[in-house]
Amino acid sequence: PTQHKEQPYYYNIYKRDNLTTIFQNLKKGCFVAADASLDDWLIISGAEAEKSLTTRLCWLGDYKTLAYMITEYIGLADQDRKWNIAYNCFDKKGSKKVDRINIQSLKNALSKAKRDPDDEDDERPSSFDEIDRIFKVTSDNGNH
């Protein structure tokens, strides 16, 4: 089989310490598996870009929240590849087993989710606010 040469990593604006905090908070919020590897997260986030990803992170949250995180934070610098990044870097924990990410399911979930916090009739999922808090906690202290 042909190996996929494209790097699954994304450019990030956070320092390594902040990436560690984000990862710990994703685990505390039950978005990624408790046994997920910080090393793999650092590779995905570009802090360890010289290394190769050995294990995709297991996403425990729903598809719409993963799609939101990818769109708002992970894929910002790489909009054309954001769904490939999701596919290459995350697996989805289902009720019975862990599966590869389904890109179409990500897109569909995001299009159905309400995203405008200024529109009173457009109720935003609370998980989006939680993701915002996880990523904002590090940007508030000026240590991007």
Protein backbone atom coordinates (compact mmCIF):
# COMPACT_ATOMS: atom_id res chain seq x y z
CA PRO A 1 0.00 0.00 0.00
CA THR A 2 1.04 3.56 -0.67
CA GLN A 3 1.93 5.57 2.39
CA HIS A 4 0.23 8.90 2.88
CA LYS A 5 3.08 11.45 2.75
CA GLU A 6 1.01 14.50 3.71
CA GLN A 7 1.78 15.73 7.22
CA PRO A 8 -1.32 15.65 9.42
CA TYR A 9 -0.14 18.55 11.54
CA TYR A 10 -1.50 22.03 11.76
CA TYR A 11 0.12 25.35 12.47
CA ASN A 12 -0.75 26.60 15.93
CA ILE A 13 -0.31 29.89 17.76
CA TYR A 14 0.26 28.35 21.18
CA LYS A 15 3.46 27.66 23.03
CA ARG A 16 4.22 24.13 24.16
CA ASP A 17 3.12 24.78 27.78
CA ASN A 18 -0.22 26.08 26.55
CA LEU A 19 -0.68 23.10 24.24
CA THR A 20 -0.12 20.87 27.26
CA THR A 21 -2.77 22.80 29.22
CA ILE A 22 -5.22 22.58 26.31
CA PHE A 23 -4.65 18.84 26.08
CA GLN A 24 -5.13 18.30 29.81
CA ASN A 25 -8.36 20.31 29.68
CA LEU A 26 -9.61 18.31 26.68
CA LYS A 27 -9.02 15.17 28.75
CA LYS A 28 -10.71 16.65 31.86
CA GLY A 29 -13.68 17.66 29.73
CA CYS A 30 -13.94 14.07 28.42
CA PHE A 31 -13.32 15.15 24.84
CA VAL A 32 -10.28 12.91 24.37
CA ALA A 33 -9.62 9.54 26.00
CA ALA A 34 -7.99 9.51 29.43
CA ASP A 35 -5.15 7.35 28.08
CA ALA A 36 -4.47 9.67 25.11
CA SER A 37 -0.83 10.58 24.65
CA LEU A 38 0.45 14.11 25.21
CA ASP A 39 3.27 13.29 22.78
CA ASP A 40 0.74 12.52 20.03
CA TRP A 41 -1.14 15.77 20.77
CA LEU A 42 2.12 17.74 20.55
CA ILE A 43 2.92 16.05 17.23
CA ILE A 44 -0.58 16.85 15.88
CA SER A 45 -0.33 20.44 17.06
CA GLY A 46 3.02 20.95 15.36
CA ALA A 47 5.08 21.36 18.54
CA GLU A 48 6.89 18.10 17.68
CA ALA A 49 6.63 18.38 13.90
CA GLU A 50 9.89 16.51 13.34
CA LYS A 51 8.31 13.36 14.81
CA SER A 52 5.73 11.10 13.19
CA LEU A 53 2.29 10.47 14.62
CA THR A 54 2.03 6.87 15.80
CA THR A 55 -1.49 6.84 17.23
CA ARG A 56 -4.54 8.92 16.35
CA LEU A 57 -6.25 10.50 19.37
CA CYS A 58 -9.54 8.94 20.39
CA TRP A 59 -12.28 11.60 20.39
CA LEU A 60 -15.00 10.92 22.97
CA GLY A 61 -17.20 13.93 22.20
CA ASP A 62 -19.76 14.15 19.44
CA TYR A 63 -19.03 14.89 15.80
CA LYS A 64 -20.37 18.46 15.90
CA THR A 65 -17.98 19.41 18.73
CA LEU A 66 -14.98 17.87 17.00
CA ALA A 67 -15.97 19.63 13.77
CA TYR A 68 -16.30 22.91 15.66
CA MET A 69 -12.86 22.52 17.27
CA ILE A 70 -11.28 21.63 13.93
CA THR A 71 -12.94 24.59 12.18
CA GLU A 72 -12.41 27.21 14.88
CA TYR A 73 -8.99 26.26 16.25
CA ILE A 74 -7.15 23.47 14.48
CA GLY A 75 -7.84 24.18 10.82
CA LEU A 76 -7.58 27.98 10.95
CA ALA A 77 -4.27 28.19 9.17
CA ASP A 78 -5.05 25.30 6.87
CA GLN A 79 -8.71 25.48 5.82
CA ASP A 80 -8.15 23.38 2.70
CA ARG A 81 -6.78 20.45 4.71
CA LYS A 82 -8.82 20.72 7.92
CA TRP A 83 -10.96 17.64 7.27
CA ASN A 84 -7.90 15.58 6.27
CA ILE A 85 -6.24 16.70 9.49
CA ALA A 86 -9.29 15.44 11.41
CA TYR A 87 -9.23 12.14 9.54
CA ASN A 88 -5.48 11.63 9.99
CA CYS A 89 -5.31 12.69 13.65
CA PHE A 90 -8.50 11.51 15.38
CA ASP A 91 -10.58 8.37 15.80
CA LYS A 92 -14.17 8.50 17.06
CA LYS A 93 -15.29 6.47 20.05
CA GLY A 94 -18.67 4.95 19.31
CA SER A 95 -20.97 3.01 21.61
CA LYS A 96 -19.30 -0.31 20.77
CA LYS A 97 -15.95 0.44 19.15
CA VAL A 98 -13.51 3.07 17.95
CA ASP A 99 -13.76 3.96 14.26
CA ARG A 100 -11.95 6.20 11.82
CA ILE A 101 -13.42 9.69 11.56
CA ASN A 102 -16.08 10.03 8.88
CA ILE A 103 -15.41 13.36 7.15
CA GLN A 104 -18.94 13.65 5.73
CA SER A 105 -20.40 13.09 9.21
CA LEU A 106 -18.20 15.92 10.52
CA LYS A 107 -19.39 18.28 7.81
CA ASN A 108 -23.05 17.31 8.26
CA ALA A 109 -22.90 17.65 12.05
CA LEU A 110 -21.36 21.10 11.82
CA SER A 111 -23.86 22.34 9.24
CA LYS A 112 -26.75 21.24 11.51
CA ALA A 113 -25.26 22.78 14.65
CA LYS A 114 -26.30 26.29 15.56
CA ARG A 115 -23.27 28.57 15.74
CA ASP A 116 -24.28 32.24 16.07
CA PRO A 117 -24.05 33.35 19.74
CA ASP A 118 -25.50 36.80 18.91
CA ASP A 119 -28.71 35.38 17.40
CA GLU A 120 -31.23 34.68 20.18
CA ASP A 121 -33.07 32.13 18.02
CA ASP A 122 -29.84 30.33 17.11
CA GLU A 123 -29.03 28.25 20.18
CA ARG A 124 -25.40 27.27 20.31
CA PRO A 125 -24.41 23.86 21.71
CA SER A 126 -22.87 24.19 25.19
CA SER A 127 -19.99 21.96 24.10
CA PHE A 128 -18.88 24.77 21.73
CA ASP A 129 -18.61 27.11 24.71
CA GLU A 130 -16.60 24.50 26.56
CA ILE A 131 -14.15 24.15 23.64
CA ASP A 132 -13.88 27.96 23.48
CA ARG A 133 -13.03 28.06 27.20
CA ILE A 134 -10.39 25.35 26.81
CA PHE A 135 -8.62 27.18 24.01
CA LYS A 136 -9.19 30.68 25.40
CA VAL A 137 -7.71 29.90 28.80
CA THR A 138 -4.26 29.95 27.26
CA SER A 139 -4.77 32.97 25.00
CA ASP A 140 -5.96 35.13 27.92
CA ASN A 141 -2.59 35.03 29.63
CA GLY A 142 -0.71 36.43 26.65
CA ASN A 143 1.41 33.32 26.15
CA HIS A 144 0.36 32.22 22.72
